[in-house]
Amino acid sequence: MGPEGPGTLCNACGIRSKMDRLLPEYRPSTSPNFNGDEHSNRHRKVLKLRQKKVPI
């Protein structure tokens, strides 16, 4: 079970959540509130999304 109910985290994200390393951008693509511009299930894309958020 993920932070927003069943089916909101994949297995890898569940492990990250247990280790307190889950970033808010991690979401499985089947999650009900998945938005491709804000979320990803791939670590590299999550890092790119985080870089975009940092103001220059």
PDB file of N, CA and C in Angstrom:
ATOM      1  N   MET A   1       0.849  -1.180   0.000  1.00  0.00           N
ATOM      2  CA  MET A   1       0.000   0.000   0.000  1.00  0.00           C
ATOM      3  C   MET A   1       0.889   1.235   0.000  1.00  0.00           C
ATOM      4  N   GLY A   2       0.575   2.169  -0.875  1.00  0.00           N
ATOM      5  CA  GLY A   2       1.343   3.400  -0.966  1.00  0.00           C
ATOM      6  C   GLY A   2       0.784   4.487  -0.072  1.00  0.00           C
ATOM      7  N   PRO A   3       1.414   5.629  -0.092  1.00  0.00           N
ATOM      8  CA  PRO A   3       0.976   6.735   0.754  1.00  0.00           C
ATOM      9  C   PRO A   3      -0.417   7.261   0.405  1.00  0.00           C
ATOM     10  N   GLU A   4      -0.847   7.018  -0.834  1.00  0.00           N
ATOM     11  CA  GLU A   4      -2.169   7.482  -1.244  1.00  0.00           C
ATOM     12  C   GLU A   4      -3.124   6.315  -1.488  1.00  0.00           C
ATOM     13  N   GLY A   5      -2.865   5.172  -0.866  1.00  0.00           N
ATOM     14  CA  GLY A   5      -3.745   4.023  -0.993  1.00  0.00           C
ATOM     15  C   GLY A   5      -3.140   2.919  -1.827  1.00  0.00           C
ATOM     16  N   PRO A   6      -3.862   1.800  -1.964  1.00  0.00           N
ATOM     17  CA  PRO A   6      -3.363   0.660  -2.724  1.00  0.00           C
ATOM     18  C   PRO A   6      -3.119   1.011  -4.193  1.00  0.00           C
ATOM     19  N   GLY A   7      -2.056   0.454  -4.754  1.00  0.00           N
ATOM     20  CA  GLY A   7      -1.781   0.641  -6.173  1.00  0.00           C
ATOM     21  C   GLY A   7      -1.125   1.953  -6.538  1.00  0.00           C
ATOM     22  N   THR A   8      -0.687   2.727  -5.566  1.00  0.00           N
ATOM     23  CA  THR A   8      -0.079   4.014  -5.901  1.00  0.00           C
ATOM     24  C   THR A   8       1.435   3.945  -5.935  1.00  0.00           C
ATOM     25  N   LEU A   9       2.021   2.805  -5.533  1.00  0.00           N
ATOM     26  CA  LEU A   9       3.471   2.643  -5.601  1.00  0.00           C
ATOM     27  C   LEU A   9       3.810   1.311  -6.259  1.00  0.00           C
ATOM     28  N   CYS A  10       4.849   1.328  -7.098  1.00  0.00           N
ATOM     29  CA  CYS A  10       5.346   0.071  -7.643  1.00  0.00           C
ATOM     30  C   CYS A  10       6.252  -0.575  -6.587  1.00  0.00           C
ATOM     31  N   ASN A  11       6.746  -1.756  -6.865  1.00  0.00           N
ATOM     32  CA  ASN A  11       7.569  -2.471  -5.903  1.00  0.00           C
ATOM     33  C   ASN A  11       8.835  -1.672  -5.554  1.00  0.00           C
ATOM     34  N   ALA A  12       9.517  -1.141  -6.566  1.00  0.00           N
ATOM     35  CA  ALA A  12      10.748  -0.379  -6.320  1.00  0.00           C
ATOM     36  C   ALA A  12      10.464   0.860  -5.476  1.00  0.00           C
ATOM     37  N   CYS A  13       9.372   1.537  -5.743  1.00  0.00           N
ATOM     38  CA  CYS A  13       9.026   2.730  -4.972  1.00  0.00           C
ATOM     39  C   CYS A  13       8.628   2.354  -3.546  1.00  0.00           C
ATOM     40  N   GLY A  14       8.018   1.194  -3.377  1.00  0.00           N
ATOM     41  CA  GLY A  14       7.685   0.727  -2.038  1.00  0.00           C
ATOM     42  C   GLY A  14       8.930   0.496  -1.207  1.00  0.00           C
ATOM     43  N   ILE A  15       9.965  -0.046  -1.834  1.00  0.00           N
ATOM     44  CA  ILE A  15      11.242  -0.240  -1.136  1.00  0.00           C
ATOM     45  C   ILE A  15      11.848   1.108  -0.781  1.00  0.00           C
ATOM     46  N   ARG A  16      11.822   2.056  -1.719  1.00  0.00           N
ATOM     47  CA  ARG A  16      12.341   3.400  -1.438  1.00  0.00           C
ATOM     48  C   ARG A  16      11.555   4.062  -0.304  1.00  0.00           C
ATOM     49  N   SER A  17      10.250   3.834  -0.277  1.00  0.00           N
ATOM     50  CA  SER A  17       9.413   4.406   0.771  1.00  0.00           C
ATOM     51  C   SER A  17       9.797   3.855   2.135  1.00  0.00           C
ATOM     52  N   LYS A  18      10.027   2.557   2.222  1.00  0.00           N
ATOM     53  CA  LYS A  18      10.420   1.943   3.495  1.00  0.00           C
ATOM     54  C   LYS A  18      11.759   2.476   3.986  1.00  0.00           C
ATOM     55  N   MET A  19      12.636   2.865   3.047  1.00  0.00           N
ATOM     56  CA  MET A  19      13.962   3.378   3.404  1.00  0.00           C
ATOM     57  C   MET A  19      13.953   4.908   3.562  1.00  0.00           C
ATOM     58  N   ASP A  20      12.777   5.526   3.485  1.00  0.00           N
ATOM     59  CA  ASP A  20      12.620   6.986   3.552  1.00  0.00           C
ATOM     60  C   ASP A  20      13.409   7.700   2.470  1.00  0.00           C
ATOM     61  N   ARG A  21      13.465   7.107   1.282  1.00  0.00           N
ATOM     62  CA  ARG A  21      14.148   7.726   0.137  1.00  0.00           C
ATOM     63  C   ARG A  21      13.195   7.949  -1.026  1.00  0.00           C
ATOM     64  N   LEU A  22      11.927   7.909  -0.780  1.00  0.00           N
ATOM     65  CA  LEU A  22      10.951   8.075  -1.841  1.00  0.00           C
ATOM     66  C   LEU A  22      10.737   9.559  -2.113  1.00  0.00           C
ATOM     67  N   LEU A  23      10.973   9.956  -3.344  1.00  0.00           N
ATOM     68  CA  LEU A  23      10.749  11.341  -3.745  1.00  0.00           C
ATOM     69  C   LEU A  23       9.303  11.486  -4.202  1.00  0.00           C
ATOM     70  N   PRO A  24       8.717  12.659  -4.015  1.00  0.00           N
ATOM     71  CA  PRO A  24       7.296  12.829  -4.368  1.00  0.00           C
ATOM     72  C   PRO A  24       7.005  12.645  -5.857  1.00  0.00           C
ATOM     73  N   GLU A  25       8.025  12.741  -6.703  1.00  0.00           N
ATOM     74  CA  GLU A  25       7.816  12.601  -8.152  1.00  0.00           C
ATOM     75  C   GLU A  25       7.665  11.148  -8.593  1.00  0.00           C
ATOM     76  N   TYR A  26       8.033  10.176  -7.746  1.00  0.00           N
ATOM     77  CA  TYR A  26       7.910   8.771  -8.111  1.00  0.00           C
ATOM     78  C   TYR A  26       6.458   8.356  -8.109  1.00  0.00           C
ATOM     79  N   ARG A  27       5.970   7.829  -9.218  1.00  0.00           N
ATOM     80  CA  ARG A  27       4.618   7.273  -9.313  1.00  0.00           C
ATOM     81  C   ARG A  27       4.620   6.211 -10.397  1.00  0.00           C
ATOM     82  N   PRO A  28       3.905   5.129 -10.204  1.00  0.00           N
ATOM     83  CA  PRO A  28       3.746   4.186 -11.313  1.00  0.00           C
ATOM     84  C   PRO A  28       2.812   4.795 -12.355  1.00  0.00           C
ATOM     85  N   SER A  29       3.010   4.441 -13.593  1.00  0.00           N
ATOM     86  CA  SER A  29       2.186   5.029 -14.653  1.00  0.00           C
ATOM     87  C   SER A  29       0.723   4.643 -14.536  1.00  0.00           C
ATOM     88  N   THR A  30       0.418   3.596 -13.783  1.00  0.00           N
ATOM     89  CA  THR A  30      -0.977   3.186 -13.589  1.00  0.00           C
ATOM     90  C   THR A  30      -1.637   3.871 -12.403  1.00  0.00           C
ATOM     91  N   SER A  31      -0.895   4.716 -11.703  1.00  0.00           N
ATOM     92  CA  SER A  31      -1.450   5.421 -10.554  1.00  0.00           C
ATOM     93  C   SER A  31      -2.566   6.352 -11.016  1.00  0.00           C
ATOM     94  N   PRO A  32      -3.637   6.481 -10.244  1.00  0.00           N
ATOM     95  CA  PRO A  32      -4.763   7.318 -10.668  1.00  0.00           C
ATOM     96  C   PRO A  32      -4.407   8.794 -10.847  1.00  0.00           C
ATOM     97  N   ASN A  33      -3.393   9.284 -10.150  1.00  0.00           N
ATOM     98  CA  ASN A  33      -3.057  10.704 -10.272  1.00  0.00           C
ATOM     99  C   ASN A  33      -1.710  10.919 -10.949  1.00  0.00           C
ATOM    100  N   PHE A  34      -1.316  10.005 -11.858  1.00  0.00           N
ATOM    101  CA  PHE A  34      -0.061  10.123 -12.594  1.00  0.00           C
ATOM    102  C   PHE A  34      -0.187  11.213 -13.641  1.00  0.00           C
ATOM    103  N   ASN A  35       0.772  12.133 -13.633  1.00  0.00           N
ATOM    104  CA  ASN A  35       0.840  13.203 -14.624  1.00  0.00           C
ATOM    105  C   ASN A  35       2.253  13.168 -15.188  1.00  0.00           C
ATOM    106  N   GLY A  36       2.410  12.915 -16.473  1.00  0.00           N
ATOM    107  CA  GLY A  36       3.721  12.763 -17.094  1.00  0.00           C
ATOM    108  C   GLY A  36       4.625  13.970 -16.974  1.00  0.00           C
ATOM    109  N   ASP A  37       4.047  15.152 -16.787  1.00  0.00           N
ATOM    110  CA  ASP A  37       4.861  16.359 -16.632  1.00  0.00           C
ATOM    111  C   ASP A  37       5.367  16.539 -15.207  1.00  0.00           C
ATOM    112  N   GLU A  38       4.769  15.839 -14.256  1.00  0.00           N
ATOM    113  CA  GLU A  38       5.140  15.999 -12.851  1.00  0.00           C
ATOM    114  C   GLU A  38       5.659  14.725 -12.203  1.00  0.00           C
ATOM    115  N   HIS A  39       5.351  13.556 -12.797  1.00  0.00           N
ATOM    116  CA  HIS A  39       5.693  12.281 -12.175  1.00  0.00           C
ATOM    117  C   HIS A  39       6.400  11.358 -13.156  1.00  0.00           C
ATOM    118  N   SER A  40       7.107  10.382 -12.609  1.00  0.00           N
ATOM    119  CA  SER A  40       7.725   9.345 -13.416  1.00  0.00           C
ATOM    120  C   SER A  40       7.964   8.113 -12.555  1.00  0.00           C
ATOM    121  N   ASN A  41       8.145   6.987 -13.229  1.00  0.00           N
ATOM    122  CA  ASN A  41       8.510   5.771 -12.524  1.00  0.00           C
ATOM    123  C   ASN A  41       9.949   5.382 -12.864  1.00  0.00           C
ATOM    124  N   ARG A  42      10.687   6.288 -13.476  1.00  0.00           N
ATOM    125  CA  ARG A  42      12.095   6.060 -13.817  1.00  0.00           C
ATOM    126  C   ARG A  42      12.967   7.077 -13.080  1.00  0.00           C
ATOM    127  N   HIS A  43      13.988   6.553 -12.428  1.00  0.00           N
ATOM    128  CA  HIS A  43      14.829   7.395 -11.579  1.00  0.00           C
ATOM    129  C   HIS A  43      15.461   8.552 -12.359  1.00  0.00           C
ATOM    130  N   ARG A  44      15.980   8.293 -13.536  1.00  0.00           N
ATOM    131  CA  ARG A  44      16.631   9.359 -14.325  1.00  0.00           C
ATOM    132  C   ARG A  44      15.668  10.483 -14.670  1.00  0.00           C
ATOM    133  N   LYS A  45      14.435  10.124 -15.027  1.00  0.00           N
ATOM    134  CA  LYS A  45      13.464  11.157 -15.355  1.00  0.00           C
ATOM    135  C   LYS A  45      13.064  11.945 -14.107  1.00  0.00           C
ATOM    136  N   VAL A  46      12.974  11.278 -12.971  1.00  0.00           N
ATOM    137  CA  VAL A  46      12.661  11.971 -11.719  1.00  0.00           C
ATOM    138  C   VAL A  46      13.750  12.999 -11.426  1.00  0.00           C
ATOM    139  N   LEU A  47      15.003  12.636 -11.639  1.00  0.00           N
ATOM    140  CA  LEU A  47      16.092  13.587 -11.413  1.00  0.00           C
ATOM    141  C   LEU A  47      15.984  14.780 -12.360  1.00  0.00           C
ATOM    142  N   LYS A  48      15.608  14.541 -13.619  1.00  0.00           N
ATOM    143  CA  LYS A  48      15.425  15.642 -14.577  1.00  0.00           C
ATOM    144  C   LYS A  48      14.262  16.537 -14.156  1.00  0.00           C
ATOM    145  N   LEU A  49      13.185  15.924 -13.675  1.00  0.00           N
ATOM    146  CA  LEU A  49      12.040  16.712 -13.210  1.00  0.00           C
ATOM    147  C   LEU A  49      12.433  17.585 -12.024  1.00  0.00           C
ATOM    148  N   ARG A  50      13.253  17.046 -11.129  1.00  0.00           N
ATOM    149  CA  ARG A  50      13.705  17.807  -9.960  1.00  0.00           C
ATOM    150  C   ARG A  50      14.599  18.963 -10.383  1.00  0.00           C
ATOM    151  N   GLN A  51      15.431  18.785 -11.409  1.00  0.00           N
ATOM    152  CA  GLN A  51      16.297  19.846 -11.891  1.00  0.00           C
ATOM    153  C   GLN A  51      15.485  20.989 -12.494  1.00  0.00           C
ATOM    154  N   LYS A  52      14.394  20.638 -13.171  1.00  0.00           N
ATOM    155  CA  LYS A  52      13.527  21.667 -13.764  1.00  0.00           C
ATOM    156  C   LYS A  52      12.885  22.536 -12.704  1.00  0.00           C
ATOM    157  N   LYS A  53      12.590  21.970 -11.528  1.00  0.00           N
ATOM    158  CA  LYS A  53      11.910  22.704 -10.466  1.00  0.00           C
ATOM    159  C   LYS A  53      12.811  23.711  -9.764  1.00  0.00           C
ATOM    160  N   VAL A  54      14.127  23.497  -9.826  1.00  0.00           N
ATOM    161  CA  VAL A  54      15.071  24.369  -9.126  1.00  0.00           C
ATOM    162  C   VAL A  54      15.155  25.708  -9.869  1.00  0.00           C
ATOM    163  N   PRO A  55      14.791  26.810  -9.221  1.00  0.00           N
ATOM    164  CA  PRO A  55      14.877  28.113  -9.890  1.00  0.00           C
ATOM    165  C   PRO A  55      16.343  28.547 -10.059  1.00  0.00           C
ATOM    166  N   ILE A  56      16.618  29.139 -11.191  1.00  0.00           N
ATOM    167  CA  ILE A  56      17.994  29.586 -11.488  1.00  0.00           C
ATOM    168  C   ILE A  56      18.197  31.024 -11.065  1.00  0.00           C
TER     169      ILE A  56
END
